[in-house]
Amino acid sequence: MTEHLNIPVQGTDVQRLADALNAARLVGIQFELGPNPHIEWDSDASKFVPSAPFFQPGHTYADLDPAYDWRFRCDIVTTHPENGERTALGWRFFKGTWEPIAYGEDEYDLHGFVGTTVQGAPRG
């Protein structure tokens, strides 16, 4: 018999979900985890861990300081074919102009330039 369990995850609940999945594995519960942008398998540690934060397609990121008129609309995230590093492709609004841009993992800083995220594609 196959049973499906949907577990809604919000905010910091991702670590609790990873902990629950790891605990279930330890007691022998077998399961498959469908695609989930928040959880990934760490083969070195042999456990589920929260995914590293990164830009998400369909979100627009904006600086909290209105004096710094910067926004980034993420359209797609791709990975380098050899090392797997993620790159976000999209449009940046800066100094009154939209321009295409790519941001790598080393340029993502949740507590630095990224202030808020909103769904949709804003207009300049």
N, C-alpha and C. Protein backbone atom coordinates (compact mmCIF):
# COMPACT_ATOMS: atom_id res chain seq x y z
N MET A 1 0.85 -1.18 0.00
CA MET A 1 0.00 0.00 0.00
C MET A 1 0.89 1.24 0.00
N THR A 2 0.56 2.18 -0.86
CA THR A 2 1.29 3.44 -0.94
C THR A 2 0.45 4.55 -0.34
N GLU A 3 1.05 5.30 0.54
CA GLU A 3 0.36 6.44 1.12
C GLU A 3 1.16 7.69 0.80
N HIS A 4 0.47 8.79 0.61
CA HIS A 4 1.10 10.06 0.33
C HIS A 4 0.87 10.98 1.51
N LEU A 5 1.89 11.66 1.89
CA LEU A 5 1.81 12.62 2.98
C LEU A 5 2.33 13.95 2.48
N ASN A 6 1.48 14.95 2.49
CA ASN A 6 1.88 16.30 2.11
C ASN A 6 2.14 17.10 3.37
N ILE A 7 3.35 17.64 3.46
CA ILE A 7 3.73 18.41 4.63
C ILE A 7 4.01 19.84 4.19
N PRO A 8 3.13 20.79 4.55
CA PRO A 8 3.40 22.17 4.18
C PRO A 8 4.57 22.71 4.99
N VAL A 9 5.45 23.45 4.33
CA VAL A 9 6.63 24.00 4.99
C VAL A 9 6.68 25.49 4.75
N GLN A 10 6.87 26.24 5.80
CA GLN A 10 6.97 27.69 5.69
C GLN A 10 8.14 28.19 6.50
N GLY A 11 8.86 29.13 5.93
CA GLY A 11 9.94 29.79 6.65
C GLY A 11 10.96 28.84 7.24
N THR A 12 11.19 28.96 8.55
CA THR A 12 12.23 28.17 9.20
C THR A 12 11.82 26.73 9.44
N ASP A 13 10.61 26.33 9.05
CA ASP A 13 10.18 24.94 9.20
C ASP A 13 11.00 24.00 8.33
N VAL A 14 11.78 24.50 7.40
CA VAL A 14 12.54 23.64 6.50
C VAL A 14 13.52 22.78 7.28
N GLN A 15 14.20 23.34 8.27
CA GLN A 15 15.12 22.54 9.09
C GLN A 15 14.36 21.45 9.84
N ARG A 16 13.18 21.78 10.37
CA ARG A 16 12.39 20.77 11.07
C ARG A 16 11.95 19.66 10.13
N LEU A 17 11.63 20.00 8.87
CA LEU A 17 11.27 18.98 7.90
C LEU A 17 12.46 18.09 7.60
N ALA A 18 13.64 18.67 7.40
CA ALA A 18 14.85 17.88 7.16
C ALA A 18 15.11 16.95 8.34
N ASP A 19 14.97 17.44 9.56
CA ASP A 19 15.17 16.62 10.75
C ASP A 19 14.17 15.46 10.80
N ALA A 20 12.91 15.74 10.46
CA ALA A 20 11.87 14.70 10.48
C ALA A 20 12.15 13.63 9.41
N LEU A 21 12.58 14.05 8.22
CA LEU A 21 12.90 13.09 7.17
C LEU A 21 14.08 12.20 7.59
N ASN A 22 15.09 12.81 8.19
CA ASN A 22 16.25 12.04 8.64
C ASN A 22 15.87 11.07 9.76
N ALA A 23 15.01 11.50 10.67
CA ALA A 23 14.56 10.62 11.75
C ALA A 23 13.76 9.44 11.18
N ALA A 24 12.91 9.71 10.19
CA ALA A 24 12.13 8.64 9.57
C ALA A 24 13.05 7.61 8.91
N ARG A 25 14.08 8.07 8.24
CA ARG A 25 15.05 7.16 7.61
C ARG A 25 15.73 6.29 8.67
N LEU A 26 16.09 6.89 9.81
CA LEU A 26 16.80 6.15 10.85
C LEU A 26 15.98 5.01 11.44
N VAL A 27 14.66 5.17 11.49
CA VAL A 27 13.81 4.10 12.05
C VAL A 27 13.29 3.17 10.96
N GLY A 28 13.78 3.35 9.73
CA GLY A 28 13.46 2.40 8.67
C GLY A 28 12.24 2.71 7.83
N ILE A 29 11.68 3.90 7.97
CA ILE A 29 10.54 4.28 7.13
C ILE A 29 11.07 4.58 5.74
N GLN A 30 10.51 3.92 4.74
CA GLN A 30 10.94 4.15 3.36
C GLN A 30 10.01 5.15 2.70
N PHE A 31 10.58 6.07 1.96
CA PHE A 31 9.79 7.10 1.30
C PHE A 31 10.57 7.66 0.14
N GLU A 32 9.87 8.33 -0.74
CA GLU A 32 10.49 9.08 -1.82
C GLU A 32 10.11 10.53 -1.64
N LEU A 33 11.07 11.39 -1.82
CA LEU A 33 10.83 12.83 -1.71
C LEU A 33 10.75 13.39 -3.12
N GLY A 34 9.61 13.97 -3.44
CA GLY A 34 9.43 14.58 -4.76
C GLY A 34 10.27 15.84 -4.87
N PRO A 35 10.30 16.43 -6.06
CA PRO A 35 11.09 17.65 -6.24
C PRO A 35 10.72 18.70 -5.20
N ASN A 36 11.73 19.27 -4.56
CA ASN A 36 11.50 20.25 -3.51
C ASN A 36 12.66 21.23 -3.52
N PRO A 37 12.41 22.51 -3.79
CA PRO A 37 13.51 23.46 -3.85
C PRO A 37 14.11 23.80 -2.48
N HIS A 38 13.49 23.31 -1.40
CA HIS A 38 13.93 23.68 -0.06
C HIS A 38 14.76 22.60 0.63
N ILE A 39 14.70 21.38 0.12
CA ILE A 39 15.39 20.24 0.76
C ILE A 39 16.25 19.55 -0.28
N GLU A 40 17.45 19.15 0.12
CA GLU A 40 18.31 18.39 -0.79
C GLU A 40 19.03 17.30 -0.02
N TRP A 41 19.49 16.30 -0.75
CA TRP A 41 20.22 15.18 -0.15
C TRP A 41 21.70 15.53 -0.11
N ASP A 42 22.32 15.45 1.05
CA ASP A 42 23.75 15.68 1.21
C ASP A 42 24.42 14.32 1.24
N SER A 43 25.01 13.92 0.11
CA SER A 43 25.58 12.58 0.01
C SER A 43 26.80 12.42 0.92
N ASP A 44 27.53 13.48 1.21
CA ASP A 44 28.68 13.39 2.10
C ASP A 44 28.24 13.07 3.53
N ALA A 45 27.17 13.72 3.98
CA ALA A 45 26.68 13.52 5.34
C ALA A 45 25.60 12.43 5.41
N SER A 46 25.15 11.94 4.25
CA SER A 46 24.08 10.92 4.17
C SER A 46 22.83 11.34 4.92
N LYS A 47 22.39 12.56 4.63
CA LYS A 47 21.15 13.03 5.25
C LYS A 47 20.55 14.16 4.42
N PHE A 48 19.27 14.45 4.68
CA PHE A 48 18.59 15.57 4.06
C PHE A 48 18.98 16.84 4.79
N VAL A 49 19.17 17.91 4.02
CA VAL A 49 19.53 19.21 4.59
C VAL A 49 18.73 20.29 3.86
N PRO A 50 18.51 21.44 4.51
CA PRO A 50 17.87 22.54 3.80
C PRO A 50 18.77 22.99 2.64
N SER A 51 18.15 23.29 1.52
CA SER A 51 18.92 23.79 0.38
C SER A 51 19.53 25.13 0.72
N ALA A 52 20.68 25.39 0.12
CA ALA A 52 21.31 26.69 0.32
C ALA A 52 20.39 27.75 -0.28
N PRO A 53 20.19 28.85 0.41
CA PRO A 53 19.32 29.89 -0.14
C PRO A 53 19.90 30.46 -1.43
N PHE A 54 19.02 30.76 -2.34
CA PHE A 54 19.44 31.36 -3.60
C PHE A 54 18.22 31.99 -4.24
N PHE A 55 18.45 32.76 -5.28
CA PHE A 55 17.34 33.38 -6.00
C PHE A 55 16.37 32.30 -6.48
N GLN A 56 15.09 32.63 -6.50
CA GLN A 56 14.06 31.71 -6.96
C GLN A 56 13.36 32.29 -8.18
N PRO A 57 13.22 31.48 -9.26
CA PRO A 57 12.49 31.97 -10.44
C PRO A 57 11.08 32.42 -10.07
N GLY A 58 10.62 33.49 -10.72
CA GLY A 58 9.29 34.01 -10.46
C GLY A 58 9.24 35.02 -9.31
N HIS A 59 10.37 35.32 -8.71
CA HIS A 59 10.42 36.29 -7.63
C HIS A 59 11.20 37.52 -8.08
N THR A 60 10.81 38.66 -7.55
CA THR A 60 11.56 39.89 -7.76
C THR A 60 12.11 40.32 -6.42
N TYR A 61 13.39 40.59 -6.37
CA TYR A 61 14.08 40.97 -5.15
C TYR A 61 14.34 42.47 -5.19
N ALA A 62 14.16 43.13 -4.06
CA ALA A 62 14.32 44.58 -4.01
C ALA A 62 15.07 44.97 -2.75
N ASP A 63 15.81 46.04 -2.84
CA ASP A 63 16.51 46.54 -1.67
C ASP A 63 15.51 47.22 -0.74
N LEU A 64 15.70 47.05 0.55
CA LEU A 64 14.80 47.67 1.52
C LEU A 64 14.94 49.18 1.57
N ASP A 65 16.10 49.67 1.21
CA ASP A 65 16.35 51.11 1.23
C ASP A 65 15.84 51.73 -0.07
N PRO A 66 14.75 52.53 -0.02
CA PRO A 66 14.20 53.10 -1.25
C PRO A 66 15.17 54.04 -1.97
N ALA A 67 16.17 54.55 -1.26
CA ALA A 67 17.15 55.43 -1.91
C ALA A 67 18.02 54.64 -2.89
N TYR A 68 18.13 53.34 -2.65
CA TYR A 68 18.92 52.48 -3.53
C TYR A 68 17.94 51.72 -4.41
N ASP A 69 17.61 52.29 -5.54
CA ASP A 69 16.55 51.75 -6.39
C ASP A 69 17.05 50.57 -7.21
N TRP A 70 17.22 49.43 -6.53
CA TRP A 70 17.70 48.21 -7.16
C TRP A 70 16.65 47.12 -7.04
N ARG A 71 16.37 46.44 -8.15
CA ARG A 71 15.49 45.27 -8.16
C ARG A 71 16.09 44.23 -9.08
N PHE A 72 15.82 42.98 -8.79
CA PHE A 72 16.24 41.89 -9.66
C PHE A 72 15.08 40.91 -9.82
N ARG A 73 14.64 40.71 -11.05
CA ARG A 73 13.60 39.73 -11.35
C ARG A 73 14.29 38.47 -11.85
N CYS A 74 14.17 37.40 -11.10
CA CYS A 74 14.79 36.13 -11.46
C CYS A 74 13.84 35.36 -12.39
N ASP A 75 14.30 35.08 -13.60
CA ASP A 75 13.50 34.33 -14.56
C ASP A 75 13.82 32.85 -14.56
N ILE A 76 15.09 32.49 -14.36
CA ILE A 76 15.50 31.09 -14.40
C ILE A 76 16.79 30.92 -13.61
N VAL A 77 16.98 29.73 -13.05
CA VAL A 77 18.24 29.38 -12.41
C VAL A 77 18.81 28.20 -13.17
N THR A 78 20.07 28.31 -13.54
CA THR A 78 20.74 27.24 -14.27
C THR A 78 21.99 26.85 -13.49
N THR A 79 22.59 25.72 -13.86
CA THR A 79 23.80 25.27 -13.18
C THR A 79 24.94 25.07 -14.16
N HIS A 80 26.14 25.32 -13.70
CA HIS A 80 27.35 25.13 -14.50
C HIS A 80 27.49 23.64 -14.80
N PRO A 81 27.77 23.27 -16.05
CA PRO A 81 27.81 21.86 -16.42
C PRO A 81 28.93 21.06 -15.74
N GLU A 82 29.97 21.70 -15.26
CA GLU A 82 31.07 20.96 -14.65
C GLU A 82 31.08 21.00 -13.12
N ASN A 83 30.79 22.17 -12.54
CA ASN A 83 30.90 22.26 -11.08
C ASN A 83 29.56 22.42 -10.36
N GLY A 84 28.47 22.57 -11.10
CA GLY A 84 27.14 22.66 -10.49
C GLY A 84 26.80 23.98 -9.86
N GLU A 85 27.68 24.98 -9.95
CA GLU A 85 27.37 26.27 -9.35
C GLU A 85 26.14 26.87 -10.02
N ARG A 86 25.24 27.39 -9.19
CA ARG A 86 24.00 27.98 -9.70
C ARG A 86 24.23 29.41 -10.19
N THR A 87 23.51 29.76 -11.26
CA THR A 87 23.49 31.12 -11.78
C THR A 87 22.05 31.51 -12.03
N ALA A 88 21.66 32.67 -11.49
CA ALA A 88 20.31 33.20 -11.71
C ALA A 88 20.35 34.15 -12.89
N LEU A 89 19.45 33.92 -13.84
CA LEU A 89 19.34 34.78 -15.01
C LEU A 89 18.06 35.57 -14.92
N GLY A 90 18.14 36.85 -15.22
CA GLY A 90 16.93 37.67 -15.15
C GLY A 90 17.23 39.10 -15.54
N TRP A 91 16.44 39.99 -14.94
CA TRP A 91 16.53 41.42 -15.29
C TRP A 91 16.76 42.23 -14.03
N ARG A 92 17.72 43.15 -14.11
CA ARG A 92 18.02 44.05 -13.00
C ARG A 92 17.54 45.45 -13.36
N PHE A 93 16.85 46.08 -12.40
CA PHE A 93 16.45 47.48 -12.54
C PHE A 93 17.37 48.28 -11.65
N PHE A 94 18.14 49.20 -12.26
CA PHE A 94 19.08 50.01 -11.50
C PHE A 94 19.29 51.31 -12.23
N LYS A 95 19.23 52.41 -11.48
CA LYS A 95 19.39 53.76 -12.04
C LYS A 95 18.41 54.01 -13.18
N GLY A 96 17.17 53.55 -12.98
CA GLY A 96 16.10 53.83 -13.93
C GLY A 96 16.05 52.98 -15.17
N THR A 97 16.86 51.92 -15.24
CA THR A 97 16.92 51.11 -16.45
C THR A 97 16.88 49.63 -16.14
N TRP A 98 16.09 48.88 -16.92
CA TRP A 98 16.09 47.42 -16.85
C TRP A 98 17.18 46.91 -17.79
N GLU A 99 17.97 45.91 -17.32
CA GLU A 99 19.00 45.31 -18.16
C GLU A 99 19.13 43.82 -17.81
N PRO A 100 19.46 42.98 -18.81
CA PRO A 100 19.64 41.56 -18.52
C PRO A 100 20.91 41.37 -17.68
N ILE A 101 20.86 40.39 -16.77
CA ILE A 101 22.01 40.17 -15.89
C ILE A 101 22.00 38.73 -15.38
N ALA A 102 23.17 38.27 -15.00
CA ALA A 102 23.32 36.96 -14.37
C ALA A 102 24.02 37.15 -13.02
N TYR A 103 23.47 36.52 -11.97
CA TYR A 103 24.09 36.57 -10.65
C TYR A 103 24.48 35.14 -10.26
N GLY A 104 25.73 34.97 -9.81
CA GLY A 104 26.20 33.68 -9.34
C GLY A 104 25.98 33.52 -7.85
N GLU A 105 26.28 32.32 -7.35
CA GLU A 105 26.09 32.04 -5.93
C GLU A 105 26.90 32.98 -5.04
N ASP A 106 28.10 33.36 -5.49
CA ASP A 106 28.93 34.24 -4.67
C ASP A 106 28.38 35.66 -4.60
N GLU A 107 27.39 35.98 -5.42
CA GLU A 107 26.79 37.32 -5.41
C GLU A 107 25.46 37.36 -4.66
N TYR A 108 25.02 36.20 -4.14
CA TYR A 108 23.77 36.14 -3.40
C TYR A 108 24.07 36.34 -1.93
N ASP A 109 23.44 37.32 -1.33
CA ASP A 109 23.63 37.61 0.08
C ASP A 109 22.29 38.04 0.65
N LEU A 110 21.61 37.10 1.28
CA LEU A 110 20.26 37.36 1.79
C LEU A 110 20.22 38.54 2.75
N HIS A 111 21.26 38.73 3.54
CA HIS A 111 21.25 39.80 4.53
C HIS A 111 21.93 41.06 4.03
N GLY A 112 22.40 41.04 2.80
CA GLY A 112 23.08 42.20 2.25
C GLY A 112 22.16 42.98 1.34
N PHE A 113 22.28 42.77 0.04
CA PHE A 113 21.53 43.60 -0.88
C PHE A 113 20.11 43.14 -1.12
N VAL A 114 19.74 41.93 -0.74
CA VAL A 114 18.38 41.46 -0.98
C VAL A 114 17.51 41.86 0.19
N GLY A 115 16.46 42.61 -0.10
CA GLY A 115 15.58 43.06 0.97
C GLY A 115 14.29 42.28 1.03
N THR A 116 13.55 42.25 -0.05
CA THR A 116 12.25 41.61 -0.04
C THR A 116 12.06 40.81 -1.32
N THR A 117 11.12 39.89 -1.29
CA THR A 117 10.77 39.17 -2.50
C THR A 117 9.27 39.32 -2.72
N VAL A 118 8.90 39.45 -3.95
CA VAL A 118 7.49 39.52 -4.31
C VAL A 118 7.29 38.68 -5.57
N GLN A 119 6.11 38.11 -5.71
CA GLN A 119 5.80 37.34 -6.91
C GLN A 119 5.50 38.27 -8.06
N GLY A 120 5.77 37.80 -9.25
CA GLY A 120 5.37 38.55 -10.44
C GLY A 120 6.49 39.36 -11.03
N ALA A 121 6.17 39.99 -12.13
CA ALA A 121 7.16 40.77 -12.86
C ALA A 121 6.78 42.24 -12.82
N PRO A 122 7.47 43.03 -12.00
CA PRO A 122 7.14 44.44 -11.93
C PRO A 122 7.56 45.20 -13.18
N ARG A 123 6.98 46.33 -13.38
CA ARG A 123 7.37 47.19 -14.48
C ARG A 123 8.16 48.36 -13.94
N GLY A 124 9.13 48.80 -14.72
CA GLY A 124 10.05 49.87 -14.27
C GLY A 124 9.46 51.21 -14.20
